[in-house]
């Protein structure tokens, strides 16, 4: 049997180009090797999104985005966290094995405390228990579905370490391997996707290229990419150019060679390079854009995919929780 890989997807709005290359495509590729399971972490989002309409819309948008980019709910498990009540029962059980001192040192909580102290406010001002216990809920997400591997970036690695610690504490207490110890799934390659200002593409920098923007808006975004003041006649270095860095992620090898030669020869303005980037980007993104728009126009398809996943995920979760409840003395 294939090992299980679990990916959590936080609903924070429509993904951008960096999300596609750095998260969505690598995560979807896991289904080739693993029993891939994907869930929308809407309860995690509740820490920062309290408006029900916004949370619902973000959930639909991110589900549509992943479906449009190739997630097949018939071949992988795709569900919404809030549809699986066993997650929250397990989270309560795990609280009893999670060390508070470890929670005090969790990155998100420490950062929030540090921000308050810097502003000379009370250390815990504005911090809710959802943020403080975020690592325990994440542990429940992972342990309930017996994940062998969890794709994580550097900022999430600590949470996976906490998950493993909690699982070991449970196993030690009951003298049984009740919970599988998950391992991080990382990559040695760091994919740098640069935004319109040359920094890493991020919503916090307001430098993103939207994934499903209409062609006109996409072109407008690309035309705003920051460049230097070299003249049209001057030769240019493709290896030190924001435009070419994005271009090579989508262009065919022969296209890359041709444009790189134009750079080095001189006589090419930045407008031409941006038009070439728009051409290959629009070619890549237009199928995704078309599928996304169709899904958002008929959200019944999205809802059906999530409901189908909830039924399948619910059966797995119920079996696991029944086993854990019996081990803990809650059921006979």
Foldseek 3Di string as FASTA:
>chain_A
DFAEEEEEAELDAFDFPCCVVPPLVVLQVVLVRHQYAYEYALVLVCLPDVDVVSSVVSVLNVLLLSVLSPDDLVSHFYAYPVLACLLVVQLVVLVVQADLVLLCVQPQLVVQQVVQVVVVHHSCPSPDVCSSSVLSSVLSVDFLQQHQEYEDDPNCPSSLVSSQSSQVSLCVVLVHNLTHRHDYDYDPDDQAQAFLARHGDDVVVVRTQGLQDPLVVNLVSLVSRDDDDDDQQDAAALVPTNLSSLQVVQDDPVVNVVVRVDNRRGNHDVVVSSVSSSVRSCVVRVSSNVSSVVCVVPVVVSVVSNVVSSVVVNVSSVVSVVVVCVSVPNDD
